[in-house]
Amino acid sequence: MAVRDAGIDPVELVILPPSRDLGDGFTVRRALPQPQRRIVGPFVFFDQFGPLVFQGEQALDVRPHPHIGLATISYLFEGEILHRDSLGSVEAIRPGEVNWMTAGRGIVHSERSPETARHGGAALSGLQLWVALPAAHEETAPTFVHHGADALPSAEAEGVTVRVMVGAMEGMESPVATLSPMIYAEIVLAAGARYRLPAEQIERAFYLIDGAVTVDGASFGPSELVILKPHAEIVLVADAPTRLVMVGGEPFPEPRMIYWNFVSSREERIEQAKADWKEGRFDAVPDEHEFIPLPPDPAPPVRYP
């Protein structure tokens, strides 16, 4: 992982995430967490996968694994992923749609390529983000909700298209129900278009999917997470056709612990989840017989921030 100084006052930090191989040639860029910055608002995890094209029998096969204390947000630009979970949910996600899974006190899920994308030539590109839950809701009942592309509000003007996946922005409000205030939006700019990022959130960042933008004379390109100073006013100028996402929200009053797929405000809760997964006490995903074992790493949970 690398960071760089943007050299302009509104920017606090620029993270250039490295590629991580998750096996079978499937790689991601993990922008959060990083040693220099572990959390932005409630967002504790930020993965970009693709763009890629599967070859031969290659496919996405993330075996069943557990979560506690967080919600996952999946959003695709290209391709399709089939979600299954221990609640019995079975849902395909396609470009422009949102899968929101609240783990709460515990859920198990898998993420795989559907049968129609297992014969070579299938493309895949998207993001998966995690948000920590407020301490008072960490043990809420697990849920899974899917929102189609037509349900997510968007608006277009002067070469800028804004789509609100989560939260409220520019007078638009997503139907995705959350347990704390936050914003997650996709912004597409035509070459030469300008856009002022809303500054209401205390903590904000934008991530370039493709294209390039200039802010106060500083240039930013693909796969850079640009973390902004609180309430900083900035105007993005697109140097080329550009797609980016913005995330933000209020910081929590207490720190969070994270270990593997578990997030909690209490370290002892993480230890309980580790023991529960190791001993098979989580509910299973129906019709799934594989699972990802608990990592052997004895390192303690990481404290955020």
C-alpha atoms as a PDB file:
ATOM      1  CA  MET A   1       0.000   0.000   0.000  1.00  0.00           C
ATOM      2  CA  ALA A   2       1.224   3.498  -0.802  1.00  0.00           C
ATOM      3  CA  VAL A   3       0.094   6.976   0.107  1.00  0.00           C
ATOM      4  CA  ARG A   4       0.905  10.299  -1.449  1.00  0.00           C
ATOM      5  CA  ASP A   5       0.592  13.945  -0.552  1.00  0.00           C
ATOM      6  CA  ALA A   6      -1.816  15.672  -2.907  1.00  0.00           C
ATOM      7  CA  GLY A   7      -0.274  19.025  -2.030  1.00  0.00           C
ATOM      8  CA  ILE A   8      -3.626  20.790  -1.661  1.00  0.00           C
ATOM      9  CA  ASP A   9      -5.362  21.964   1.498  1.00  0.00           C
ATOM     10  CA  PRO A  10      -8.756  20.178   1.168  1.00  0.00           C
ATOM     11  CA  VAL A  11      -7.142  16.713   0.917  1.00  0.00           C
ATOM     12  CA  GLU A  12      -6.044  14.894   4.058  1.00  0.00           C
ATOM     13  CA  LEU A  13      -4.637  11.713   2.517  1.00  0.00           C
ATOM     14  CA  VAL A  14      -4.458   9.810  -0.782  1.00  0.00           C
ATOM     15  CA  ILE A  15      -4.362   6.006  -0.566  1.00  0.00           C
ATOM     16  CA  LEU A  16      -3.157   3.909  -3.500  1.00  0.00           C
ATOM     17  CA  PRO A  17      -4.317   0.390  -2.597  1.00  0.00           C
ATOM     18  CA  PRO A  18      -2.303  -2.587  -3.829  1.00  0.00           C
ATOM     19  CA  SER A  19      -3.776  -5.652  -5.508  1.00  0.00           C
ATOM     20  CA  ARG A  20      -4.486  -8.654  -3.269  1.00  0.00           C
ATOM     21  CA  ASP A  21      -4.872 -12.160  -4.674  1.00  0.00           C
ATOM     22  CA  LEU A  22      -7.813 -13.926  -3.025  1.00  0.00           C
ATOM     23  CA  GLY A  23      -7.115 -17.158  -4.900  1.00  0.00           C
ATOM     24  CA  ASP A  24      -7.874 -18.651  -8.323  1.00  0.00           C
ATOM     25  CA  GLY A  25      -6.674 -15.469  -9.984  1.00  0.00           C
ATOM     26  CA  PHE A  26      -9.331 -13.297  -8.332  1.00  0.00           C
ATOM     27  CA  THR A  27      -7.759 -10.050  -7.155  1.00  0.00           C
ATOM     28  CA  VAL A  28      -9.086  -7.003  -5.317  1.00  0.00           C
ATOM     29  CA  ARG A  29      -7.825  -3.555  -4.428  1.00  0.00           C
ATOM     30  CA  ARG A  30      -8.407  -2.959  -0.722  1.00  0.00           C
ATOM     31  CA  ALA A  31      -8.550   0.772  -0.021  1.00  0.00           C
ATOM     32  CA  LEU A  32      -9.801   0.351   3.566  1.00  0.00           C
ATOM     33  CA  PRO A  33      -8.617  -0.568   6.095  1.00  0.00           C
ATOM     34  CA  GLN A  34      -5.024   0.654   5.773  1.00  0.00           C
ATOM     35  CA  PRO A  35      -2.469   1.518   8.485  1.00  0.00           C
ATOM     36  CA  GLN A  36      -2.658   5.226   7.658  1.00  0.00           C
ATOM     37  CA  ARG A  37      -6.476   5.259   7.675  1.00  0.00           C
ATOM     38  CA  ARG A  38      -8.762   2.466   8.845  1.00  0.00           C
ATOM     39  CA  ILE A  39     -12.214   4.048   8.755  1.00  0.00           C
ATOM     40  CA  VAL A  40     -14.122   6.860   7.005  1.00  0.00           C
ATOM     41  CA  GLY A  41     -17.361   7.682   8.814  1.00  0.00           C
ATOM     42  CA  PRO A  42     -18.893   4.226   9.424  1.00  0.00           C
ATOM     43  CA  PHE A  43     -17.046   2.627   6.461  1.00  0.00           C
ATOM     44  CA  VAL A  44     -14.461   0.117   7.714  1.00  0.00           C
ATOM     45  CA  PHE A  45     -13.810  -1.838   4.512  1.00  0.00           C
ATOM     46  CA  PHE A  46     -13.576  -0.881   0.829  1.00  0.00           C
ATOM     47  CA  ASP A  47     -12.776  -3.451  -1.885  1.00  0.00           C
ATOM     48  CA  GLN A  48     -12.730  -2.947  -5.639  1.00  0.00           C
ATOM     49  CA  PHE A  49     -12.786  -6.105  -7.774  1.00  0.00           C
ATOM     50  CA  GLY A  50     -12.242  -6.233 -11.518  1.00  0.00           C
ATOM     51  CA  PRO A  51     -12.643  -5.302 -14.199  1.00  0.00           C
ATOM     52  CA  LEU A  52     -11.836  -8.866 -15.206  1.00  0.00           C
ATOM     53  CA  VAL A  53     -12.962 -11.507 -17.668  1.00  0.00           C
ATOM     54  CA  PHE A  54     -13.118 -15.093 -16.449  1.00  0.00           C
ATOM     55  CA  GLN A  55     -11.308 -17.646 -18.596  1.00  0.00           C
ATOM     56  CA  GLY A  56     -12.333 -21.254 -19.202  1.00  0.00           C
ATOM     57  CA  GLU A  57     -13.848 -22.745 -16.036  1.00  0.00           C
ATOM     58  CA  GLN A  58     -12.705 -19.807 -13.900  1.00  0.00           C
ATOM     59  CA  ALA A  59     -15.462 -18.282 -11.718  1.00  0.00           C
ATOM     60  CA  LEU A  60     -16.076 -16.439  -8.472  1.00  0.00           C
ATOM     61  CA  ASP A  61     -16.542 -18.869  -5.586  1.00  0.00           C
ATOM     62  CA  VAL A  62     -16.417 -17.206  -2.170  1.00  0.00           C
ATOM     63  CA  ARG A  63     -17.416 -20.058   0.133  1.00  0.00           C
ATOM     64  CA  PRO A  64     -19.737 -19.544   3.122  1.00  0.00           C
ATOM     65  CA  HIS A  65     -18.185 -17.332   5.777  1.00  0.00           C
ATOM     66  CA  PRO A  66     -19.539 -15.448   8.825  1.00  0.00           C
ATOM     67  CA  HIS A  67     -19.995 -11.795   9.796  1.00  0.00           C
ATOM     68  CA  ILE A  68     -21.022  -9.932  12.950  1.00  0.00           C
ATOM     69  CA  GLY A  69     -21.459  -6.253  13.847  1.00  0.00           C
ATOM     70  CA  LEU A  70     -21.501  -4.833  10.322  1.00  0.00           C
ATOM     71  CA  ALA A  71     -23.495  -4.419   7.140  1.00  0.00           C
ATOM     72  CA  THR A  72     -22.129  -5.292   3.694  1.00  0.00           C
ATOM     73  CA  ILE A  73     -22.977  -3.277   0.575  1.00  0.00           C
ATOM     74  CA  SER A  74     -22.417  -4.888  -2.833  1.00  0.00           C
ATOM     75  CA  TYR A  75     -22.629  -2.850  -6.046  1.00  0.00           C
ATOM     76  CA  LEU A  76     -21.659  -3.959  -9.566  1.00  0.00           C
ATOM     77  CA  PHE A  77     -20.597  -2.086 -12.671  1.00  0.00           C
ATOM     78  CA  GLU A  78     -20.469  -5.231 -14.803  1.00  0.00           C
ATOM     79  CA  GLY A  79     -21.348  -8.908 -14.443  1.00  0.00           C
ATOM     80  CA  GLU A  80     -23.448 -10.853 -11.945  1.00  0.00           C
ATOM     81  CA  ILE A  81     -22.973 -12.441  -8.497  1.00  0.00           C
ATOM     82  CA  LEU A  82     -25.294 -14.891  -6.758  1.00  0.00           C
ATOM     83  CA  HIS A  83     -25.724 -14.263  -3.025  1.00  0.00           C
ATOM     84  CA  ARG A  84     -26.891 -17.006  -0.618  1.00  0.00           C
ATOM     85  CA  ASP A  85     -27.113 -16.651   3.161  1.00  0.00           C
ATOM     86  CA  SER A  86     -28.102 -18.421   6.363  1.00  0.00           C
ATOM     87  CA  LEU A  87     -31.484 -16.660   6.363  1.00  0.00           C
ATOM     88  CA  GLY A  88     -32.352 -18.588   3.221  1.00  0.00           C
ATOM     89  CA  SER A  89     -31.929 -15.572   0.916  1.00  0.00           C
ATOM     90  CA  VAL A  90     -30.955 -16.343  -2.681  1.00  0.00           C
ATOM     91  CA  GLU A  91     -30.481 -13.216  -4.808  1.00  0.00           C
ATOM     92  CA  ALA A  92     -28.547 -12.324  -7.946  1.00  0.00           C
ATOM     93  CA  ILE A  93     -27.036  -8.855  -8.055  1.00  0.00           C
ATOM     94  CA  ARG A  94     -26.485  -7.105 -11.385  1.00  0.00           C
ATOM     95  CA  PRO A  95     -25.081  -3.698 -12.413  1.00  0.00           C
ATOM     96  CA  GLY A  96     -26.787  -0.720 -10.793  1.00  0.00           C
ATOM     97  CA  GLU A  97     -28.442  -2.789  -8.033  1.00  0.00           C
ATOM     98  CA  VAL A  98     -27.657  -2.878  -4.310  1.00  0.00           C
ATOM     99  CA  ASN A  99     -27.418  -5.853  -1.982  1.00  0.00           C
ATOM    100  CA  TRP A 100     -27.487  -4.708   1.671  1.00  0.00           C
ATOM    101  CA  MET A 101     -26.824  -7.412   4.256  1.00  0.00           C
ATOM    102  CA  THR A 102     -26.986  -6.571   7.956  1.00  0.00           C
ATOM    103  CA  ALA A 103     -24.973  -9.118   9.911  1.00  0.00           C
ATOM    104  CA  GLY A 104     -25.926  -7.879  13.381  1.00  0.00           C
ATOM    105  CA  ARG A 105     -25.512 -10.716  15.871  1.00  0.00           C
ATOM    106  CA  GLY A 106     -24.418 -13.086  13.119  1.00  0.00           C
ATOM    107  CA  ILE A 107     -24.974 -14.235   9.542  1.00  0.00           C
ATOM    108  CA  VAL A 108     -23.220 -16.542   7.071  1.00  0.00           C
ATOM    109  CA  HIS A 109     -23.203 -16.034   3.305  1.00  0.00           C
ATOM    110  CA  SER A 110     -21.555 -17.108   0.061  1.00  0.00           C
ATOM    111  CA  GLU A 111     -20.899 -15.160  -3.131  1.00  0.00           C
ATOM    112  CA  ARG A 112     -20.530 -17.080  -6.379  1.00  0.00           C
ATOM    113  CA  SER A 113     -20.763 -16.717 -10.124  1.00  0.00           C
ATOM    114  CA  PRO A 114     -24.159 -17.957 -11.368  1.00  0.00           C
ATOM    115  CA  GLU A 115     -24.272 -20.960 -13.716  1.00  0.00           C
ATOM    116  CA  THR A 116     -24.744 -18.649 -16.701  1.00  0.00           C
ATOM    117  CA  ALA A 117     -21.335 -17.055 -16.010  1.00  0.00           C
ATOM    118  CA  ARG A 118     -19.298 -20.257 -15.609  1.00  0.00           C
ATOM    119  CA  HIS A 119     -18.384 -21.060 -19.191  1.00  0.00           C
ATOM    120  CA  GLY A 120     -15.661 -18.510 -19.947  1.00  0.00           C
ATOM    121  CA  GLY A 121     -15.869 -14.941 -21.164  1.00  0.00           C
ATOM    122  CA  ALA A 122     -17.987 -13.571 -18.292  1.00  0.00           C
ATOM    123  CA  ALA A 123     -16.947 -10.125 -17.073  1.00  0.00           C
ATOM    124  CA  LEU A 124     -17.075  -8.857 -13.489  1.00  0.00           C
ATOM    125  CA  SER A 125     -16.445  -5.451 -11.949  1.00  0.00           C
ATOM    126  CA  GLY A 126     -17.727  -3.833  -8.764  1.00  0.00           C
ATOM    127  CA  LEU A 127     -17.303  -2.804  -5.169  1.00  0.00           C
ATOM    128  CA  GLN A 128     -17.997  -4.302  -1.782  1.00  0.00           C
ATOM    129  CA  LEU A 129     -18.021  -2.023   1.251  1.00  0.00           C
ATOM    130  CA  TRP A 130     -18.649  -2.733   4.930  1.00  0.00           C
ATOM    131  CA  VAL A 131     -20.108  -0.310   7.442  1.00  0.00           C
ATOM    132  CA  ALA A 132     -19.804  -0.807  11.171  1.00  0.00           C
ATOM    133  CA  LEU A 133     -23.084  -0.767  13.080  1.00  0.00           C
ATOM    134  CA  PRO A 134     -23.776   1.656  15.954  1.00  0.00           C
ATOM    135  CA  ALA A 135     -22.886   0.088  19.303  1.00  0.00           C
ATOM    136  CA  ALA A 136     -26.565  -0.013  20.322  1.00  0.00           C
ATOM    137  CA  HIS A 137     -27.425  -2.059  17.192  1.00  0.00           C
ATOM    138  CA  GLU A 138     -24.462  -4.422  16.918  1.00  0.00           C
ATOM    139  CA  GLU A 139     -26.570  -7.359  18.114  1.00  0.00           C
ATOM    140  CA  THR A 140     -29.594  -6.601  15.936  1.00  0.00           C
ATOM    141  CA  ALA A 141     -31.246  -9.455  14.039  1.00  0.00           C
ATOM    142  CA  PRO A 142     -29.552 -10.236  10.719  1.00  0.00           C
ATOM    143  CA  THR A 143     -31.361  -9.184   7.539  1.00  0.00           C
ATOM    144  CA  PHE A 144     -30.823  -9.155   3.788  1.00  0.00           C
ATOM    145  CA  VAL A 145     -32.438  -6.675   1.364  1.00  0.00           C
ATOM    146  CA  HIS A 146     -32.065  -6.314  -2.395  1.00  0.00           C
ATOM    147  CA  HIS A 147     -32.838  -3.063  -4.254  1.00  0.00           C
ATOM    148  CA  GLY A 148     -33.182  -3.027  -8.034  1.00  0.00           C
ATOM    149  CA  ALA A 149     -31.554  -0.385 -10.201  1.00  0.00           C
ATOM    150  CA  ASP A 150     -34.878   1.367 -10.831  1.00  0.00           C
ATOM    151  CA  ALA A 151     -35.357   1.891  -7.076  1.00  0.00           C
ATOM    152  CA  LEU A 152     -32.183   3.963  -6.646  1.00  0.00           C
ATOM    153  CA  PRO A 153     -32.636   7.693  -7.303  1.00  0.00           C
ATOM    154  CA  SER A 154     -30.459   9.478  -9.840  1.00  0.00           C
ATOM    155  CA  ALA A 155     -30.274  12.848 -11.555  1.00  0.00           C
ATOM    156  CA  GLU A 156     -28.363  14.258 -14.518  1.00  0.00           C
ATOM    157  CA  ALA A 157     -27.384  17.837 -15.329  1.00  0.00           C
ATOM    158  CA  GLU A 158     -24.562  19.564 -17.222  1.00  0.00           C
ATOM    159  CA  GLY A 159     -22.600  16.397 -17.921  1.00  0.00           C
ATOM    160  CA  VAL A 160     -22.875  15.016 -14.373  1.00  0.00           C
ATOM    161  CA  THR A 161     -24.956  12.017 -13.298  1.00  0.00           C
ATOM    162  CA  VAL A 162     -25.390  11.327  -9.577  1.00  0.00           C
ATOM    163  CA  ARG A 163     -26.867   8.052  -8.302  1.00  0.00           C
ATOM    164  CA  VAL A 164     -27.511   7.689  -4.573  1.00  0.00           C
ATOM    165  CA  MET A 165     -27.031   4.090  -3.426  1.00  0.00           C
ATOM    166  CA  VAL A 166     -27.217   4.760   0.314  1.00  0.00           C
ATOM    167  CA  GLY A 167     -28.242   7.853   2.274  1.00  0.00           C
ATOM    168  CA  ALA A 168     -29.410  11.239   1.012  1.00  0.00           C
ATOM    169  CA  MET A 169     -27.705  13.721  -1.295  1.00  0.00           C
ATOM    170  CA  GLU A 170     -28.691  16.454  -3.760  1.00  0.00           C
ATOM    171  CA  GLY A 171     -32.314  16.236  -2.647  1.00  0.00           C
ATOM    172  CA  MET A 172     -32.459  12.485  -3.385  1.00  0.00           C
ATOM    173  CA  GLU A 173     -32.823   9.720  -0.807  1.00  0.00           C
ATOM    174  CA  SER A 174     -32.017   6.047  -1.266  1.00  0.00           C
ATOM    175  CA  PRO A 175     -34.603   3.464  -0.148  1.00  0.00           C
ATOM    176  CA  VAL A 176     -31.836   1.464   1.569  1.00  0.00           C
ATOM    177  CA  ALA A 177     -32.552   1.463   5.317  1.00  0.00           C
ATOM    178  CA  THR A 178     -29.496   2.059   7.509  1.00  0.00           C
ATOM    179  CA  LEU A 179     -28.851   2.162  11.243  1.00  0.00           C
ATOM    180  CA  SER A 180     -26.704   5.325  11.143  1.00  0.00           C
ATOM    181  CA  PRO A 181     -26.403   8.368   8.834  1.00  0.00           C
ATOM    182  CA  MET A 182     -24.084   7.896   5.846  1.00  0.00           C
ATOM    183  CA  ILE A 183     -23.687   8.601   2.155  1.00  0.00           C
ATOM    184  CA  TYR A 184     -22.611   6.310  -0.677  1.00  0.00           C
ATOM    185  CA  ALA A 185     -23.095   7.669  -4.178  1.00  0.00           C
ATOM    186  CA  GLU A 186     -21.872   7.054  -7.710  1.00  0.00           C
ATOM    187  CA  ILE A 187     -20.883  10.118  -9.749  1.00  0.00           C
ATOM    188  CA  VAL A 188     -20.297   9.964 -13.509  1.00  0.00           C
ATOM    189  CA  LEU A 189     -18.813  12.997 -15.274  1.00  0.00           C
ATOM    190  CA  ALA A 190     -18.415  13.764 -18.953  1.00  0.00           C
ATOM    191  CA  ALA A 191     -15.031  15.129 -20.005  1.00  0.00           C
ATOM    192  CA  GLY A 192     -14.764  18.756 -18.873  1.00  0.00           C
ATOM    193  CA  ALA A 193     -17.721  18.551 -16.477  1.00  0.00           C
ATOM    194  CA  ARG A 194     -17.480  20.132 -13.027  1.00  0.00           C
ATOM    195  CA  TYR A 195     -19.096  18.984  -9.790  1.00  0.00           C
ATOM    196  CA  ARG A 196     -19.003  20.327  -6.235  1.00  0.00           C
ATOM    197  CA  LEU A 197     -18.932  17.512  -3.719  1.00  0.00           C
ATOM    198  CA  PRO A 198     -21.428  18.027  -0.885  1.00  0.00           C
ATOM    199  CA  ALA A 199     -19.629  18.909   2.352  1.00  0.00           C
ATOM    200  CA  GLU A 200     -22.240  18.081   4.981  1.00  0.00           C
ATOM    201  CA  GLN A 201     -20.552  14.924   6.251  1.00  0.00           C
ATOM    202  CA  ILE A 202     -17.706  15.288   8.740  1.00  0.00           C
ATOM    203  CA  GLU A 203     -15.724  12.471   7.117  1.00  0.00           C
ATOM    204  CA  ARG A 204     -15.740  11.951   3.336  1.00  0.00           C
ATOM    205  CA  ALA A 205     -13.692  10.314   0.623  1.00  0.00           C
ATOM    206  CA  PHE A 206     -13.983   9.719  -3.104  1.00  0.00           C
ATOM    207  CA  TYR A 207     -12.614   6.780  -5.077  1.00  0.00           C
ATOM    208  CA  LEU A 208     -11.841   6.827  -8.798  1.00  0.00           C
ATOM    209  CA  ILE A 209     -13.134   3.827 -10.741  1.00  0.00           C
ATOM    210  CA  ASP A 210     -11.953   5.111 -14.125  1.00  0.00           C
ATOM    211  CA  GLY A 211     -11.060   8.409 -15.747  1.00  0.00           C
ATOM    212  CA  ALA A 212      -9.310  11.321 -14.041  1.00  0.00           C
ATOM    213  CA  VAL A 213     -10.242  14.468 -12.127  1.00  0.00           C
ATOM    214  CA  THR A 214      -8.456  17.627 -11.068  1.00  0.00           C
ATOM    215  CA  VAL A 215      -9.021  19.400  -7.737  1.00  0.00           C
ATOM    216  CA  ASP A 216      -7.289  22.755  -7.153  1.00  0.00           C
ATOM    217  CA  GLY A 217      -4.652  21.831  -9.733  1.00  0.00           C
ATOM    218  CA  ALA A 218      -3.957  18.341  -8.307  1.00  0.00           C
ATOM    219  CA  SER A 219      -4.761  15.317 -10.467  1.00  0.00           C
ATOM    220  CA  PHE A 220      -6.248  12.004  -9.317  1.00  0.00           C
ATOM    221  CA  GLY A 221      -6.610   8.783 -11.280  1.00  0.00           C
ATOM    222  CA  PRO A 222      -8.087   5.278 -11.119  1.00  0.00           C
ATOM    223  CA  SER A 223      -7.999   3.266  -7.881  1.00  0.00           C
ATOM    224  CA  GLU A 224      -7.042   6.227  -5.687  1.00  0.00           C
ATOM    225  CA  LEU A 225      -8.986   6.808  -2.455  1.00  0.00           C
ATOM    226  CA  VAL A 226      -8.899  10.541  -1.750  1.00  0.00           C
ATOM    227  CA  ILE A 227      -9.760  11.334   1.868  1.00  0.00           C
ATOM    228  CA  LEU A 228     -10.956  14.884   2.419  1.00  0.00           C
ATOM    229  CA  LYS A 229     -10.605  17.160   5.410  1.00  0.00           C
ATOM    230  CA  PRO A 230     -13.799  17.734   7.439  1.00  0.00           C
ATOM    231  CA  HIS A 231     -16.323  19.895   5.575  1.00  0.00           C
ATOM    232  CA  ALA A 232     -13.733  20.862   2.932  1.00  0.00           C
ATOM    233  CA  GLU A 233     -15.309  22.503  -0.117  1.00  0.00           C
ATOM    234  CA  ILE A 234     -13.967  20.987  -3.359  1.00  0.00           C
ATOM    235  CA  VAL A 235     -14.906  21.061  -7.028  1.00  0.00           C
ATOM    236  CA  LEU A 236     -14.087  18.075  -9.231  1.00  0.00           C
ATOM    237  CA  VAL A 237     -13.134  18.835 -12.844  1.00  0.00           C
ATOM    238  CA  ALA A 238     -13.202  15.788 -15.129  1.00  0.00           C
ATOM    239  CA  ASP A 239     -10.099  15.547 -17.334  1.00  0.00           C
ATOM    240  CA  ALA A 240     -11.743  12.649 -19.227  1.00  0.00           C
ATOM    241  CA  PRO A 241     -14.984  10.671 -18.975  1.00  0.00           C
ATOM    242  CA  THR A 242     -14.904   9.663 -15.303  1.00  0.00           C
ATOM    243  CA  ARG A 243     -16.693   7.399 -12.842  1.00  0.00           C
ATOM    244  CA  LEU A 244     -16.138   7.658  -9.092  1.00  0.00           C
ATOM    245  CA  VAL A 245     -17.920   6.933  -5.847  1.00  0.00           C
ATOM    246  CA  MET A 246     -18.214   9.082  -2.735  1.00  0.00           C
ATOM    247  CA  VAL A 247     -18.541   7.721   0.800  1.00  0.00           C
ATOM    248  CA  GLY A 248     -18.950   9.554   4.082  1.00  0.00           C
ATOM    249  CA  GLY A 249     -20.688   9.893   7.380  1.00  0.00           C
ATOM    250  CA  GLU A 250     -20.408  10.691  11.045  1.00  0.00           C
ATOM    251  CA  PRO A 251     -17.589   9.050  13.031  1.00  0.00           C
ATOM    252  CA  PHE A 252     -18.630   6.822  15.917  1.00  0.00           C
ATOM    253  CA  PRO A 253     -18.011   8.077  19.479  1.00  0.00           C
ATOM    254  CA  GLU A 254     -16.336   4.789  20.442  1.00  0.00           C
ATOM    255  CA  PRO A 255     -13.649   2.737  18.620  1.00  0.00           C
ATOM    256  CA  ARG A 256     -14.280  -0.496  16.722  1.00  0.00           C
ATOM    257  CA  MET A 257     -12.401  -3.787  16.746  1.00  0.00           C
ATOM    258  CA  ILE A 258     -12.004  -5.805  13.565  1.00  0.00           C
ATOM    259  CA  TYR A 259     -10.751  -9.336  13.069  1.00  0.00           C
ATOM    260  CA  TRP A 260     -11.227 -11.149   9.754  1.00  0.00           C
ATOM    261  CA  ASN A 261     -14.976 -10.745   8.996  1.00  0.00           C
ATOM    262  CA  PHE A 262     -15.981  -9.643  12.486  1.00  0.00           C
ATOM    263  CA  VAL A 263     -16.522  -6.047  13.673  1.00  0.00           C
ATOM    264  CA  SER A 264     -17.494  -4.989  17.195  1.00  0.00           C
ATOM    265  CA  SER A 265     -17.031  -2.261  19.795  1.00  0.00           C
ATOM    266  CA  ARG A 266     -16.077  -5.042  22.262  1.00  0.00           C
ATOM    267  CA  GLU A 267     -13.022  -7.259  21.898  1.00  0.00           C
ATOM    268  CA  GLU A 268     -14.647 -10.043  23.924  1.00  0.00           C
ATOM    269  CA  ARG A 269     -17.464 -10.185  21.346  1.00  0.00           C
ATOM    270  CA  ILE A 270     -14.901 -10.774  18.601  1.00  0.00           C
ATOM    271  CA  GLU A 271     -13.417 -13.628  20.627  1.00  0.00           C
ATOM    272  CA  GLN A 272     -16.876 -15.146  21.062  1.00  0.00           C
ATOM    273  CA  ALA A 273     -17.536 -14.969  17.310  1.00  0.00           C
ATOM    274  CA  LYS A 274     -14.209 -16.649  16.588  1.00  0.00           C
ATOM    275  CA  ALA A 275     -15.079 -19.489  18.958  1.00  0.00           C
ATOM    276  CA  ASP A 276     -18.610 -19.788  17.563  1.00  0.00           C
ATOM    277  CA  TRP A 277     -17.368 -20.146  13.989  1.00  0.00           C
ATOM    278  CA  LYS A 278     -14.652 -22.603  14.944  1.00  0.00           C
ATOM    279  CA  GLU A 279     -17.150 -24.762  16.840  1.00  0.00           C
ATOM    280  CA  GLY A 280     -19.869 -24.586  14.157  1.00  0.00           C
ATOM    281  CA  ARG A 281     -22.412 -22.580  16.157  1.00  0.00           C
ATOM    282  CA  PHE A 282     -23.363 -20.156  13.354  1.00  0.00           C
ATOM    283  CA  ASP A 283     -26.411 -21.002  11.231  1.00  0.00           C
ATOM    284  CA  ALA A 284     -25.526 -22.639   7.926  1.00  0.00           C
ATOM    285  CA  VAL A 285     -26.303 -21.517   4.376  1.00  0.00           C
ATOM    286  CA  PRO A 286     -28.918 -23.936   2.981  1.00  0.00           C
ATOM    287  CA  ASP A 287     -27.628 -26.271   0.256  1.00  0.00           C
ATOM    288  CA  GLU A 288     -24.002 -25.190   0.827  1.00  0.00           C
ATOM    289  CA  HIS A 289     -21.520 -27.714   2.221  1.00  0.00           C
ATOM    290  CA  GLU A 290     -18.227 -25.803   1.974  1.00  0.00           C
ATOM    291  CA  PHE A 291     -16.993 -23.097   4.333  1.00  0.00           C
ATOM    292  CA  ILE A 292     -13.991 -20.835   4.910  1.00  0.00           C
ATOM    293  CA  PRO A 293     -12.220 -21.861   8.143  1.00  0.00           C
ATOM    294  CA  LEU A 294     -11.169 -19.384  10.812  1.00  0.00           C
ATOM    295  CA  PRO A 295      -7.716 -17.999   9.935  1.00  0.00           C
ATOM    296  CA  PRO A 296      -4.918 -19.529  12.013  1.00  0.00           C
ATOM    297  CA  ASP A 297      -3.365 -16.097  12.630  1.00  0.00           C
ATOM    298  CA  PRO A 298      -3.301 -15.559  16.427  1.00  0.00           C
ATOM    299  CA  ALA A 299      -3.039 -11.769  16.112  1.00  0.00           C
ATOM    300  CA  PRO A 300      -5.499  -9.794  18.262  1.00  0.00           C
ATOM    301  CA  PRO A 301      -8.293  -7.703  16.720  1.00  0.00           C
ATOM    302  CA  VAL A 302      -7.232  -4.346  15.276  1.00  0.00           C
ATOM    303  CA  ARG A 303      -8.629  -1.296  17.051  1.00  0.00           C
ATOM    304  CA  TYR A 304     -10.193   1.481  14.937  1.00  0.00           C
ATOM    305  CA  PRO A 305      -9.338   4.269  14.856  1.00  0.00           C
END
